[in-house]
Amino acid sequence: MNFFNYKLYEDKTVLKVTRNGEIIRAIDFKPGNQYVVNPLNKQKKKHRGRYVTLKGIESDKHNGILSAKVKYLDTNRSGKIILDDLDNILQ
């Protein structure tokens, strides 16, 4: 089971994903930076591999889920993605 740990700062949001005490993913999210959609769930195919620019982060107070407002680089359209699905771009 994956555990998500969010820390919200004024200029960035830090996400750490752990499984069995081992860190799987650690990302610093800053508005304006580029990321790739890479869900941890292998069955989640929607938007996988698309590059986005982060515009902002919203929280859903009822569910406790953070979502990211993004702009897709291939179509220049805006959208929302669960923050856990974003990953750093590997160079």
C-alpha atoms as a PDB file:
ATOM      1  CA  MET A   1       0.000   0.000   0.000  1.00  0.00           C
ATOM      2  CA  ASN A   2       1.260   3.453  -0.907  1.00  0.00           C
ATOM      3  CA  PHE A   3       1.355   6.275   1.623  1.00  0.00           C
ATOM      4  CA  PHE A   4       1.380   9.914   0.516  1.00  0.00           C
ATOM      5  CA  ASN A   5       2.927  12.707   2.556  1.00  0.00           C
ATOM      6  CA  TYR A   6       2.319  16.304   1.459  1.00  0.00           C
ATOM      7  CA  LYS A   7       3.965  19.426   2.834  1.00  0.00           C
ATOM      8  CA  LEU A   8       2.671  22.773   1.644  1.00  0.00           C
ATOM      9  CA  TYR A   9       5.039  25.744   1.634  1.00  0.00           C
ATOM     10  CA  GLU A  10       4.510  29.262   0.292  1.00  0.00           C
ATOM     11  CA  ASP A  11       6.423  28.734  -2.949  1.00  0.00           C
ATOM     12  CA  LYS A  12       6.316  24.936  -3.398  1.00  0.00           C
ATOM     13  CA  THR A  13       4.613  21.680  -2.438  1.00  0.00           C
ATOM     14  CA  VAL A  14       6.620  18.599  -1.498  1.00  0.00           C
ATOM     15  CA  LEU A  15       5.214  15.106  -2.129  1.00  0.00           C
ATOM     16  CA  LYS A  16       6.752  11.886  -0.814  1.00  0.00           C
ATOM     17  CA  VAL A  17       5.278   8.507  -1.769  1.00  0.00           C
ATOM     18  CA  THR A  18       6.357   5.517   0.306  1.00  0.00           C
ATOM     19  CA  ARG A  19       5.628   1.795   0.065  1.00  0.00           C
ATOM     20  CA  ASN A  20       6.660  -0.493   2.941  1.00  0.00           C
ATOM     21  CA  GLY A  21       8.856   2.270   4.379  1.00  0.00           C
ATOM     22  CA  GLU A  22      10.769   2.773   1.114  1.00  0.00           C
ATOM     23  CA  ILE A  23      10.513   6.076  -0.764  1.00  0.00           C
ATOM     24  CA  ILE A  24       9.137   5.463  -4.272  1.00  0.00           C
ATOM     25  CA  ARG A  25       8.757   9.054  -5.444  1.00  0.00           C
ATOM     26  CA  ALA A  26       9.812  12.421  -3.990  1.00  0.00           C
ATOM     27  CA  ILE A  27       8.945  15.580  -5.925  1.00  0.00           C
ATOM     28  CA  ASP A  28       9.066  19.342  -5.302  1.00  0.00           C
ATOM     29  CA  PHE A  29       6.191  20.977  -7.173  1.00  0.00           C
ATOM     30  CA  LYS A  30       6.602  24.613  -8.199  1.00  0.00           C
ATOM     31  CA  PRO A  31       4.169  26.493 -10.443  1.00  0.00           C
ATOM     32  CA  GLY A  32       5.644  27.065 -13.906  1.00  0.00           C
ATOM     33  CA  ASN A  33       7.807  23.917 -13.913  1.00  0.00           C
ATOM     34  CA  GLN A  34       7.244  21.076 -16.376  1.00  0.00           C
ATOM     35  CA  TYR A  35       6.331  17.517 -15.387  1.00  0.00           C
ATOM     36  CA  VAL A  36       5.239  14.280 -17.056  1.00  0.00           C
ATOM     37  CA  VAL A  37       2.035  12.381 -16.253  1.00  0.00           C
ATOM     38  CA  ASN A  38       3.162   9.023 -14.840  1.00  0.00           C
ATOM     39  CA  PRO A  39       0.572   7.422 -12.499  1.00  0.00           C
ATOM     40  CA  LEU A  40       1.819   4.856  -9.980  1.00  0.00           C
ATOM     41  CA  ASN A  41      -1.177   2.652 -10.795  1.00  0.00           C
ATOM     42  CA  LYS A  42      -0.172   0.671 -13.914  1.00  0.00           C
ATOM     43  CA  GLN A  43      -3.809   0.329 -15.038  1.00  0.00           C
ATOM     44  CA  LYS A  44      -4.308   4.104 -15.225  1.00  0.00           C
ATOM     45  CA  LYS A  45      -3.723   4.862 -18.930  1.00  0.00           C
ATOM     46  CA  LYS A  46      -5.374   8.276 -19.348  1.00  0.00           C
ATOM     47  CA  HIS A  47      -2.851  11.044 -20.135  1.00  0.00           C
ATOM     48  CA  ARG A  48       0.125   8.748 -19.376  1.00  0.00           C
ATOM     49  CA  GLY A  49       3.314  10.099 -20.948  1.00  0.00           C
ATOM     50  CA  ARG A  50       1.946  13.602 -21.634  1.00  0.00           C
ATOM     51  CA  TYR A  51       4.036  16.608 -20.664  1.00  0.00           C
ATOM     52  CA  VAL A  52       2.430  19.410 -18.682  1.00  0.00           C
ATOM     53  CA  THR A  53       3.238  22.770 -17.116  1.00  0.00           C
ATOM     54  CA  LEU A  54       2.021  23.175 -13.542  1.00  0.00           C
ATOM     55  CA  LYS A  55      -0.220  26.226 -13.110  1.00  0.00           C
ATOM     56  CA  GLY A  56      -1.333  25.725  -9.517  1.00  0.00           C
ATOM     57  CA  ILE A  57      -2.429  23.305  -6.821  1.00  0.00           C
ATOM     58  CA  GLU A  58      -5.934  22.958  -5.373  1.00  0.00           C
ATOM     59  CA  SER A  59      -7.136  20.938  -2.410  1.00  0.00           C
ATOM     60  CA  ASP A  60     -10.482  19.192  -2.172  1.00  0.00           C
ATOM     61  CA  LYS A  61     -11.517  19.652   1.445  1.00  0.00           C
ATOM     62  CA  HIS A  62     -14.150  16.902   1.337  1.00  0.00           C
ATOM     63  CA  ASN A  63     -11.861  14.125   0.060  1.00  0.00           C
ATOM     64  CA  GLY A  64      -8.493  15.479   1.210  1.00  0.00           C
ATOM     65  CA  ILE A  65      -7.059  15.034  -2.295  1.00  0.00           C
ATOM     66  CA  LEU A  66      -4.694  17.550  -3.878  1.00  0.00           C
ATOM     67  CA  SER A  67      -5.191  18.182  -7.581  1.00  0.00           C
ATOM     68  CA  ALA A  68      -2.954  20.059  -9.987  1.00  0.00           C
ATOM     69  CA  LYS A  69      -4.143  22.632 -12.494  1.00  0.00           C
ATOM     70  CA  VAL A  70      -1.998  21.993 -15.562  1.00  0.00           C
ATOM     71  CA  LYS A  71      -1.519  23.061 -19.162  1.00  0.00           C
ATOM     72  CA  TYR A  72      -0.807  20.238 -21.613  1.00  0.00           C
ATOM     73  CA  LEU A  73       2.187  21.106 -23.788  1.00  0.00           C
ATOM     74  CA  ASP A  74       1.028  19.115 -26.832  1.00  0.00           C
ATOM     75  CA  THR A  75      -2.399  20.816 -27.166  1.00  0.00           C
ATOM     76  CA  ASN A  76      -2.041  23.984 -25.021  1.00  0.00           C
ATOM     77  CA  ARG A  77      -5.278  23.073 -23.232  1.00  0.00           C
ATOM     78  CA  SER A  78      -5.849  23.351 -19.497  1.00  0.00           C
ATOM     79  CA  GLY A  79      -6.907  20.509 -17.245  1.00  0.00           C
ATOM     80  CA  LYS A  80      -6.786  18.972 -13.775  1.00  0.00           C
ATOM     81  CA  ILE A  81      -4.803  15.948 -12.640  1.00  0.00           C
ATOM     82  CA  ILE A  82      -4.419  14.273  -9.261  1.00  0.00           C
ATOM     83  CA  LEU A  83      -1.097  15.522  -7.918  1.00  0.00           C
ATOM     84  CA  ASP A  84       0.131  11.962  -7.241  1.00  0.00           C
ATOM     85  CA  ASP A  85       0.110  11.219 -10.991  1.00  0.00           C
ATOM     86  CA  LEU A  86       2.789  13.804 -11.855  1.00  0.00           C
ATOM     87  CA  ASP A  87       6.459  12.883 -11.979  1.00  0.00           C
ATOM     88  CA  ASN A  88       9.758  14.634 -12.695  1.00  0.00           C
ATOM     89  CA  ILE A  89      10.991  14.666 -16.278  1.00  0.00           C
ATOM     90  CA  LEU A  90      14.060  12.459 -16.570  1.00  0.00           C
ATOM     91  CA  GLN A  91      16.815  13.971 -18.663  1.00  0.00           C
END
